PDB file of N, CA and C in Angstrom:
ATOM      1  N   MET A   1       3.180   6.154 -15.396  1.00  0.00           N
ATOM      2  CA  MET A   1       2.315   5.562 -14.383  1.00  0.00           C
ATOM      3  C   MET A   1       1.259   4.705 -15.079  1.00  0.00           C
ATOM      4  N   VAL A   2       0.828   3.676 -14.409  1.00  0.00           N
ATOM      5  CA  VAL A   2      -0.175   2.764 -14.938  1.00  0.00           C
ATOM      6  C   VAL A   2      -1.532   3.132 -14.357  1.00  0.00           C
ATOM      7  N   LYS A   3      -2.555   3.122 -15.191  1.00  0.00           N
ATOM      8  CA  LYS A   3      -3.905   3.421 -14.731  1.00  0.00           C
ATOM      9  C   LYS A   3      -4.584   2.126 -14.310  1.00  0.00           C
ATOM     10  N   ALA A   4      -5.140   2.109 -13.108  1.00  0.00           N
ATOM     11  CA  ALA A   4      -5.815   0.924 -12.582  1.00  0.00           C
ATOM     12  C   ALA A   4      -7.138   0.703 -13.305  1.00  0.00           C
ATOM     13  N   VAL A   5      -7.589  -0.538 -13.336  1.00  0.00           N
ATOM     14  CA  VAL A   5      -8.860  -0.895 -13.957  1.00  0.00           C
ATOM     15  C   VAL A   5      -9.753  -1.594 -12.930  1.00  0.00           C
ATOM     16  N   MET A   6     -11.043  -1.661 -13.247  1.00  0.00           N
ATOM     17  CA  MET A   6     -12.054  -2.339 -12.440  1.00  0.00           C
ATOM     18  C   MET A   6     -11.995  -1.897 -10.973  1.00  0.00           C
ATOM     19  N   ASP A   7     -11.852  -2.843 -10.048  1.00  0.00           N
ATOM     20  CA  ASP A   7     -11.847  -2.522  -8.613  1.00  0.00           C
ATOM     21  C   ASP A   7     -10.444  -2.529  -8.023  1.00  0.00           C
ATOM     22  N   ARG A   8      -9.432  -2.333  -8.865  1.00  0.00           N
ATOM     23  CA  ARG A   8      -8.037  -2.403  -8.422  1.00  0.00           C
ATOM     24  C   ARG A   8      -7.561  -1.065  -7.855  1.00  0.00           C
ATOM     25  N   VAL A   9      -6.653  -1.165  -6.876  1.00  0.00           N
ATOM     26  CA  VAL A   9      -6.050   0.003  -6.246  1.00  0.00           C
ATOM     27  C   VAL A   9      -4.535  -0.200  -6.270  1.00  0.00           C
ATOM     28  N   PHE A  10      -3.804   0.752  -6.848  1.00  0.00           N
ATOM     29  CA  PHE A  10      -2.338   0.718  -6.861  1.00  0.00           C
ATOM     30  C   PHE A  10      -1.852   1.536  -5.675  1.00  0.00           C
ATOM     31  N   ILE A  11      -1.029   0.914  -4.828  1.00  0.00           N
ATOM     32  CA  ILE A  11      -0.562   1.550  -3.596  1.00  0.00           C
ATOM     33  C   ILE A  11       0.959   1.571  -3.578  1.00  0.00           C
ATOM     34  N   ARG A  12       1.538   2.768  -3.394  1.00  0.00           N
ATOM     35  CA  ARG A  12       2.994   2.891  -3.234  1.00  0.00           C
ATOM     36  C   ARG A  12       3.290   2.685  -1.760  1.00  0.00           C
ATOM     37  N   LEU A  13       4.102   1.670  -1.461  1.00  0.00           N
ATOM     38  CA  LEU A  13       4.429   1.321  -0.083  1.00  0.00           C
ATOM     39  C   LEU A  13       5.292   2.373   0.580  1.00  0.00           C
ATOM     40  N   GLN A  14       5.124   2.491   1.898  1.00  0.00           N
ATOM     41  CA  GLN A  14       6.010   3.364   2.647  1.00  0.00           C
ATOM     42  C   GLN A  14       7.413   2.771   2.618  1.00  0.00           C
ATOM     43  N   PRO A  15       8.441   3.604   2.695  1.00  0.00           N
ATOM     44  CA  PRO A  15       9.814   3.083   2.685  1.00  0.00           C
ATOM     45  C   PRO A  15      10.048   2.113   3.837  1.00  0.00           C
ATOM     46  N   LYS A  16      10.961   1.163   3.620  1.00  0.00           N
ATOM     47  CA  LYS A  16      11.314   0.216   4.679  1.00  0.00           C
ATOM     48  C   LYS A  16      11.966   0.968   5.826  1.00  0.00           C
ATOM     49  N   GLU A  17      11.642   0.548   7.027  1.00  0.00           N
ATOM     50  CA  GLU A  17      12.193   1.183   8.220  1.00  0.00           C
ATOM     51  C   GLU A  17      13.590   0.646   8.500  1.00  0.00           C
ATOM     52  N   ALA A  18      14.497   1.525   8.875  1.00  0.00           N
ATOM     53  CA  ALA A  18      15.858   1.120   9.232  1.00  0.00           C
ATOM     54  C   ALA A  18      15.949   0.781  10.717  1.00  0.00           C
ATOM     55  N   ALA A  19      14.998   1.301  11.504  1.00  0.00           N
ATOM     56  CA  ALA A  19      14.985   1.048  12.940  1.00  0.00           C
ATOM     57  C   ALA A  19      13.540   1.026  13.424  1.00  0.00           C
ATOM     58  N   THR A  20      13.317   0.379  14.561  1.00  0.00           N
ATOM     59  CA  THR A  20      11.988   0.365  15.153  1.00  0.00           C
ATOM     60  C   THR A  20      11.745   1.694  15.854  1.00  0.00           C
ATOM     61  N   LYS A  21      10.512   1.934  16.264  1.00  0.00           N
ATOM     62  CA  LYS A  21      10.210   3.176  16.990  1.00  0.00           C
ATOM     63  C   LYS A  21      10.942   3.227  18.317  1.00  0.00           C
ATOM     64  N   GLY A  22      11.303   2.064  18.863  1.00  0.00           N
ATOM     65  CA  GLY A  22      12.047   1.995  20.115  1.00  0.00           C
ATOM     66  C   GLY A  22      13.542   2.178  19.944  1.00  0.00           C
ATOM     67  N   GLY A  23      14.025   2.280  18.683  1.00  0.00           N
ATOM     68  CA  GLY A  23      15.430   2.549  18.423  1.00  0.00           C
ATOM     69  C   GLY A  23      16.267   1.334  18.068  1.00  0.00           C
ATOM     70  N   ILE A  24      15.643   0.166  17.915  1.00  0.00           N
ATOM     71  CA  ILE A  24      16.391  -1.028  17.553  1.00  0.00           C
ATOM     72  C   ILE A  24      16.633  -1.008  16.050  1.00  0.00           C
ATOM     73  N   PHE A  25      17.899  -1.121  15.641  1.00  0.00           N
ATOM     74  CA  PHE A  25      18.237  -1.120  14.222  1.00  0.00           C
ATOM     75  C   PHE A  25      17.919  -2.467  13.598  1.00  0.00           C
ATOM     76  N   LEU A  26      17.327  -2.439  12.425  1.00  0.00           N
ATOM     77  CA  LEU A  26      16.943  -3.655  11.717  1.00  0.00           C
ATOM     78  C   LEU A  26      17.997  -4.006  10.679  1.00  0.00           C
ATOM     79  N   THR A  27      18.261  -5.283  10.507  1.00  0.00           N
ATOM     80  CA  THR A  27      19.241  -5.721   9.521  1.00  0.00           C
ATOM     81  C   THR A  27      18.619  -5.716   8.132  1.00  0.00           C
ATOM     82  N   GLU A  28      19.456  -5.782   7.121  1.00  0.00           N
ATOM     83  CA  GLU A  28      18.985  -5.793   5.731  1.00  0.00           C
ATOM     84  C   GLU A  28      18.110  -7.000   5.427  1.00  0.00           C
ATOM     85  N   ASP A  29      18.377  -8.139   6.094  1.00  0.00           N
ATOM     86  CA  ASP A  29      17.601  -9.337   5.795  1.00  0.00           C
ATOM     87  C   ASP A  29      16.272  -9.387   6.543  1.00  0.00           C
ATOM     88  N   HIS A  30      16.014  -8.405   7.387  1.00  0.00           N
ATOM     89  CA  HIS A  30      14.723  -8.323   8.079  1.00  0.00           C
ATOM     90  C   HIS A  30      13.665  -7.926   7.056  1.00  0.00           C
ATOM     91  N   GLU A  31      12.674  -8.763   6.878  1.00  0.00           N
ATOM     92  CA  GLU A  31      11.683  -8.515   5.830  1.00  0.00           C
ATOM     93  C   GLU A  31      10.276  -8.516   6.420  1.00  0.00           C
ATOM     94  N   ALA A  32       9.906  -7.450   7.123  1.00  0.00           N
ATOM     95  CA  ALA A  32       8.556  -7.319   7.652  1.00  0.00           C
ATOM     96  C   ALA A  32       7.620  -6.909   6.523  1.00  0.00           C
ATOM     97  N   GLU A  33       6.414  -7.410   6.560  1.00  0.00           N
ATOM     98  CA  GLU A  33       5.427  -7.041   5.545  1.00  0.00           C
ATOM     99  C   GLU A  33       5.042  -5.579   5.719  1.00  0.00           C
ATOM    100  N   ARG A  34       5.034  -4.855   4.621  1.00  0.00           N
ATOM    101  CA  ARG A  34       4.612  -3.452   4.653  1.00  0.00           C
ATOM    102  C   ARG A  34       3.142  -3.406   4.241  1.00  0.00           C
ATOM    103  N   THR A  35       2.299  -2.855   5.074  1.00  0.00           N
ATOM    104  CA  THR A  35       0.861  -2.851   4.827  1.00  0.00           C
ATOM    105  C   THR A  35       0.261  -1.455   4.834  1.00  0.00           C
ATOM    106  N   ILE A  36       1.106  -0.445   4.760  1.00  0.00           N
ATOM    107  CA  ILE A  36       0.646   0.943   4.719  1.00  0.00           C
ATOM    108  C   ILE A  36       1.270   1.602   3.502  1.00  0.00           C
ATOM    109  N   GLY A  37       0.477   2.404   2.807  1.00  0.00           N
ATOM    110  CA  GLY A  37       1.009   3.103   1.647  1.00  0.00           C
ATOM    111  C   GLY A  37       0.085   4.200   1.173  1.00  0.00           C
ATOM    112  N   ILE A  38       0.494   4.845   0.098  1.00  0.00           N
ATOM    113  CA  ILE A  38      -0.254   5.955  -0.496  1.00  0.00           C
ATOM    114  C   ILE A  38      -0.868   5.476  -1.808  1.00  0.00           C
ATOM    115  N   VAL A  39      -2.156   5.736  -1.987  1.00  0.00           N
ATOM    116  CA  VAL A  39      -2.863   5.332  -3.203  1.00  0.00           C
ATOM    117  C   VAL A  39      -2.334   6.134  -4.383  1.00  0.00           C
ATOM    118  N   GLU A  40      -1.896   5.431  -5.429  1.00  0.00           N
ATOM    119  CA  GLU A  40      -1.393   6.086  -6.642  1.00  0.00           C
ATOM    120  C   GLU A  40      -2.448   6.148  -7.738  1.00  0.00           C
ATOM    121  N   SER A  41      -3.223   5.076  -7.876  1.00  0.00           N
ATOM    122  CA  SER A  41      -4.195   4.998  -8.960  1.00  0.00           C
ATOM    123  C   SER A  41      -5.342   4.101  -8.522  1.00  0.00           C
ATOM    124  N   ILE A  42      -6.551   4.428  -8.974  1.00  0.00           N
ATOM    125  CA  ILE A  42      -7.720   3.603  -8.657  1.00  0.00           C
ATOM    126  C   ILE A  42      -8.490   3.292  -9.929  1.00  0.00           C
ATOM    127  N   GLY A  43      -9.146   2.150  -9.930  1.00  0.00           N
ATOM    128  CA  GLY A  43     -10.002   1.788 -11.053  1.00  0.00           C
ATOM    129  C   GLY A  43     -11.335   2.510 -10.977  1.00  0.00           C
ATOM    130  N   PRO A  44     -12.118   2.488 -12.053  1.00  0.00           N
ATOM    131  CA  PRO A  44     -13.381   3.218 -12.092  1.00  0.00           C
ATOM    132  C   PRO A  44     -14.448   2.682 -11.141  1.00  0.00           C
ATOM    133  N   GLU A  45     -14.310   1.458 -10.656  1.00  0.00           N
ATOM    134  CA  GLU A  45     -15.294   0.889  -9.738  1.00  0.00           C
ATOM    135  C   GLU A  45     -14.982   1.189  -8.267  1.00  0.00           C
ATOM    136  N   VAL A  46     -13.842   1.787  -7.980  1.00  0.00           N
ATOM    137  CA  VAL A  46     -13.431   2.061  -6.599  1.00  0.00           C
ATOM    138  C   VAL A  46     -14.132   3.323  -6.107  1.00  0.00           C
ATOM    139  N   ARG A  47     -14.767   3.218  -4.940  1.00  0.00           N
ATOM    140  CA  ARG A  47     -15.525   4.347  -4.388  1.00  0.00           C
ATOM    141  C   ARG A  47     -15.030   4.811  -3.021  1.00  0.00           C
ATOM    142  N   SER A  48     -14.235   3.982  -2.326  1.00  0.00           N
ATOM    143  CA  SER A  48     -13.904   4.293  -0.930  1.00  0.00           C
ATOM    144  C   SER A  48     -12.620   5.103  -0.742  1.00  0.00           C
ATOM    145  N   VAL A  49     -11.773   5.181  -1.757  1.00  0.00           N
ATOM    146  CA  VAL A  49     -10.516   5.935  -1.644  1.00  0.00           C
ATOM    147  C   VAL A  49     -10.263   6.723  -2.916  1.00  0.00           C
ATOM    148  N   LYS A  50      -9.295   7.635  -2.824  1.00  0.00           N
ATOM    149  CA  LYS A  50      -8.877   8.398  -4.004  1.00  0.00           C
ATOM    150  C   LYS A  50      -7.366   8.498  -3.992  1.00  0.00           C
ATOM    151  N   PRO A  51      -6.745   8.800  -5.118  1.00  0.00           N
ATOM    152  CA  PRO A  51      -5.295   8.956  -5.150  1.00  0.00           C
ATOM    153  C   PRO A  51      -4.823   9.969  -4.114  1.00  0.00           C
ATOM    154  N   GLY A  52      -3.751   9.628  -3.432  1.00  0.00           N
ATOM    155  CA  GLY A  52      -3.209  10.493  -2.381  1.00  0.00           C
ATOM    156  C   GLY A  52      -3.594  10.052  -0.981  1.00  0.00           C
ATOM    157  N   ASN A  53      -4.637   9.212  -0.838  1.00  0.00           N
ATOM    158  CA  ASN A  53      -5.025   8.719   0.482  1.00  0.00           C
ATOM    159  C   ASN A  53      -3.965   7.773   1.032  1.00  0.00           C
ATOM    160  N   LYS A  54      -3.735   7.845   2.331  1.00  0.00           N
ATOM    161  CA  LYS A  54      -2.854   6.900   3.019  1.00  0.00           C
ATOM    162  C   LYS A  54      -3.750   5.780   3.539  1.00  0.00           C
ATOM    163  N   VAL A  55      -3.418   4.532   3.173  1.00  0.00           N
ATOM    164  CA  VAL A  55      -4.301   3.413   3.490  1.00  0.00           C
ATOM    165  C   VAL A  55      -3.565   2.267   4.182  1.00  0.00           C
ATOM    166  N   LEU A  56      -4.345   1.457   4.877  1.00  0.00           N
ATOM    167  CA  LEU A  56      -3.905   0.203   5.462  1.00  0.00           C
ATOM    168  C   LEU A  56      -4.600  -0.887   4.665  1.00  0.00           C
ATOM    169  N   PHE A  57      -3.854  -1.910   4.249  1.00  0.00           N
ATOM    170  CA  PHE A  57      -4.460  -2.942   3.415  1.00  0.00           C
ATOM    171  C   PHE A  57      -4.059  -4.332   3.889  1.00  0.00           C
ATOM    172  N   HIS A  58      -4.807  -5.318   3.449  1.00  0.00           N
ATOM    173  CA  HIS A  58      -4.572  -6.720   3.780  1.00  0.00           C
ATOM    174  C   HIS A  58      -3.402  -7.222   2.957  1.00  0.00           C
ATOM    175  N   VAL A  59      -2.378  -7.727   3.604  1.00  0.00           N
ATOM    176  CA  VAL A  59      -1.133  -8.095   2.940  1.00  0.00           C
ATOM    177  C   VAL A  59      -1.229  -9.358   2.092  1.00  0.00           C
ATOM    178  N   PHE A  60      -2.188 -10.227   2.327  1.00  0.00           N
ATOM    179  CA  PHE A  60      -2.234 -11.509   1.633  1.00  0.00           C
ATOM    180  C   PHE A  60      -2.924 -11.454   0.278  1.00  0.00           C
ATOM    181  N   ASP A  61      -3.407 -10.302  -0.124  1.00  0.00           N
ATOM    182  CA  ASP A  61      -4.159 -10.212  -1.370  1.00  0.00           C
ATOM    183  C   ASP A  61      -3.462  -9.379  -2.436  1.00  0.00           C
ATOM    184  N   ASP A  62      -2.169  -9.088  -2.257  1.00  0.00           N
ATOM    185  CA  ASP A  62      -1.532  -8.244  -3.264  1.00  0.00           C
ATOM    186  C   ASP A  62      -1.286  -9.029  -4.554  1.00  0.00           C
ATOM    187  N   LEU A  63      -1.449  -8.353  -5.670  1.00  0.00           N
ATOM    188  CA  LEU A  63      -1.324  -8.939  -7.000  1.00  0.00           C
ATOM    189  C   LEU A  63       0.010  -8.534  -7.616  1.00  0.00           C
ATOM    190  N   PRO A  64       0.464  -9.192  -8.667  1.00  0.00           N
ATOM    191  CA  PRO A  64       1.730  -8.810  -9.305  1.00  0.00           C
ATOM    192  C   PRO A  64       1.727  -7.335  -9.732  1.00  0.00           C
ATOM    193  N   SER A  65       2.901  -6.717  -9.692  1.00  0.00           N
ATOM    194  CA  SER A  65       3.009  -5.294  -9.998  1.00  0.00           C
ATOM    195  C   SER A  65       4.233  -5.029 -10.872  1.00  0.00           C
ATOM    196  N   TYR A  66       4.280  -3.830 -11.421  1.00  0.00           N
ATOM    197  CA  TYR A  66       5.373  -3.398 -12.283  1.00  0.00           C
ATOM    198  C   TYR A  66       6.553  -2.838 -11.500  1.00  0.00           C
ATOM    199  N   ASP A  67       6.398  -2.650 -10.200  1.00  0.00           N
ATOM    200  CA  ASP A  67       7.408  -2.002  -9.368  1.00  0.00           C
ATOM    201  C   ASP A  67       7.408  -2.696  -8.001  1.00  0.00           C
ATOM    202  N   PRO A  68       8.564  -3.035  -7.433  1.00  0.00           N
ATOM    203  CA  PRO A  68       8.575  -3.714  -6.134  1.00  0.00           C
ATOM    204  C   PRO A  68       8.049  -2.874  -4.975  1.00  0.00           C
ATOM    205  N   ASP A  69       7.981  -1.549  -5.150  1.00  0.00           N
ATOM    206  CA  ASP A  69       7.454  -0.685  -4.101  1.00  0.00           C
ATOM    207  C   ASP A  69       5.988  -0.318  -4.327  1.00  0.00           C
ATOM    208  N   VAL A  70       5.358  -0.934  -5.323  1.00  0.00           N
ATOM    209  CA  VAL A  70       3.940  -0.695  -5.592  1.00  0.00           C
ATOM    210  C   VAL A  70       3.221  -2.036  -5.528  1.00  0.00           C
ATOM    211  N   VAL A  71       2.118  -2.066  -4.771  1.00  0.00           N
ATOM    212  CA  VAL A  71       1.291  -3.269  -4.730  1.00  0.00           C
ATOM    213  C   VAL A  71      -0.050  -2.955  -5.372  1.00  0.00           C
ATOM    214  N   VAL A  72      -0.686  -4.000  -5.873  1.00  0.00           N
ATOM    215  CA  VAL A  72      -2.008  -3.876  -6.460  1.00  0.00           C
ATOM    216  C   VAL A  72      -2.931  -4.751  -5.639  1.00  0.00           C
ATOM    217  N   VAL A  73      -3.999  -4.159  -5.110  1.00  0.00           N
ATOM    218  CA  VAL A  73      -4.987  -4.913  -4.344  1.00  0.00           C
ATOM    219  C   VAL A  73      -6.375  -4.581  -4.867  1.00  0.00           C
ATOM    220  N   ARG A  74      -7.314  -5.435  -4.541  1.00  0.00           N
ATOM    221  CA  ARG A  74      -8.716  -5.128  -4.836  1.00  0.00           C
ATOM    222  C   ARG A  74      -9.241  -4.218  -3.732  1.00  0.00           C
ATOM    223  N   GLU A  75     -10.250  -3.439  -4.053  1.00  0.00           N
ATOM    224  CA  GLU A  75     -10.791  -2.494  -3.070  1.00  0.00           C
ATOM    225  C   GLU A  75     -11.212  -3.195  -1.786  1.00  0.00           C
ATOM    226  N   LYS A  76     -11.745  -4.408  -1.887  1.00  0.00           N
ATOM    227  CA  LYS A  76     -12.204  -5.125  -0.693  1.00  0.00           C
ATOM    228  C   LYS A  76     -11.062  -5.478   0.257  1.00  0.00           C
ATOM    229  N   SER A  77      -9.803  -5.390  -0.210  1.00  0.00           N
ATOM    230  CA  SER A  77      -8.654  -5.680   0.637  1.00  0.00           C
ATOM    231  C   SER A  77      -8.201  -4.477   1.459  1.00  0.00           C
ATOM    232  N   LEU A  78      -8.792  -3.328   1.214  1.00  0.00           N
ATOM    233  CA  LEU A  78      -8.455  -2.145   2.008  1.00  0.00           C
ATOM    234  C   LEU A  78      -9.096  -2.277   3.378  1.00  0.00           C
ATOM    235  N   LEU A  79      -8.310  -2.035   4.424  1.00  0.00           N
ATOM    236  CA  LEU A  79      -8.808  -2.153   5.791  1.00  0.00           C
ATOM    237  C   LEU A  79      -9.177  -0.812   6.380  1.00  0.00           C
ATOM    238  N   GLY A  80      -8.558   0.258   5.914  1.00  0.00           N
ATOM    239  CA  GLY A  80      -8.858   1.566   6.451  1.00  0.00           C
ATOM    240  C   GLY A  80      -8.115   2.671   5.727  1.00  0.00           C
ATOM    241  N   VAL A  81      -8.617   3.886   5.925  1.00  0.00           N
ATOM    242  CA  VAL A  81      -7.998   5.089   5.365  1.00  0.00           C
ATOM    243  C   VAL A  81      -7.586   5.954   6.557  1.00  0.00           C
ATOM    244  N   PHE A  82      -6.332   6.386   6.579  1.00  0.00           N
ATOM    245  CA  PHE A  82      -5.857   7.230   7.677  1.00  0.00           C
ATOM    246  C   PHE A  82      -6.471   8.620   7.569  1.00  0.00           C
ATOM    247  N   GLU A  83      -6.864   9.161   8.703  1.00  0.00           N
ATOM    248  CA  GLU A  83      -7.362  10.526   8.765  1.00  0.00           C
ATOM    249  C   GLU A  83      -6.155  11.459   8.672  1.00  0.00           C
ATOM    250  N   ASP A  84      -6.389  12.734   8.423  1.00  0.00           N
ATOM    251  CA  ASP A  84      -5.278  13.703   8.375  1.00  0.00           C
ATOM    252  C   ASP A  84      -4.489  13.623   9.661  1.00  0.00           C
ATOM    253  N   GLU A  85      -3.169  13.488   9.525  1.00  0.00           N
ATOM    254  CA  GLU A  85      -2.307  13.356  10.706  1.00  0.00           C
ATOM    255  C   GLU A  85      -1.645  14.663  11.044  1.00  0.00           C
TER     256      GLU A  85
END
């Protein structure tokens, strides 16, 4: 695993959905942006989340990553933290 630096947050994306909540099956070429995931690593300047939190983030600010299922965003790109479900 890679340790985040500065104000960076590493987020593991939720798996791609095979069907909508209404039951419509999605094709392989359907590429909806995934904006929800679990925090894997945070930099020392991050104060609003911790590893293990489920977060919603702004999709236009993701930075290059080592894994296609992991995105790197700055803390300011986080939109919210999900409460216990």
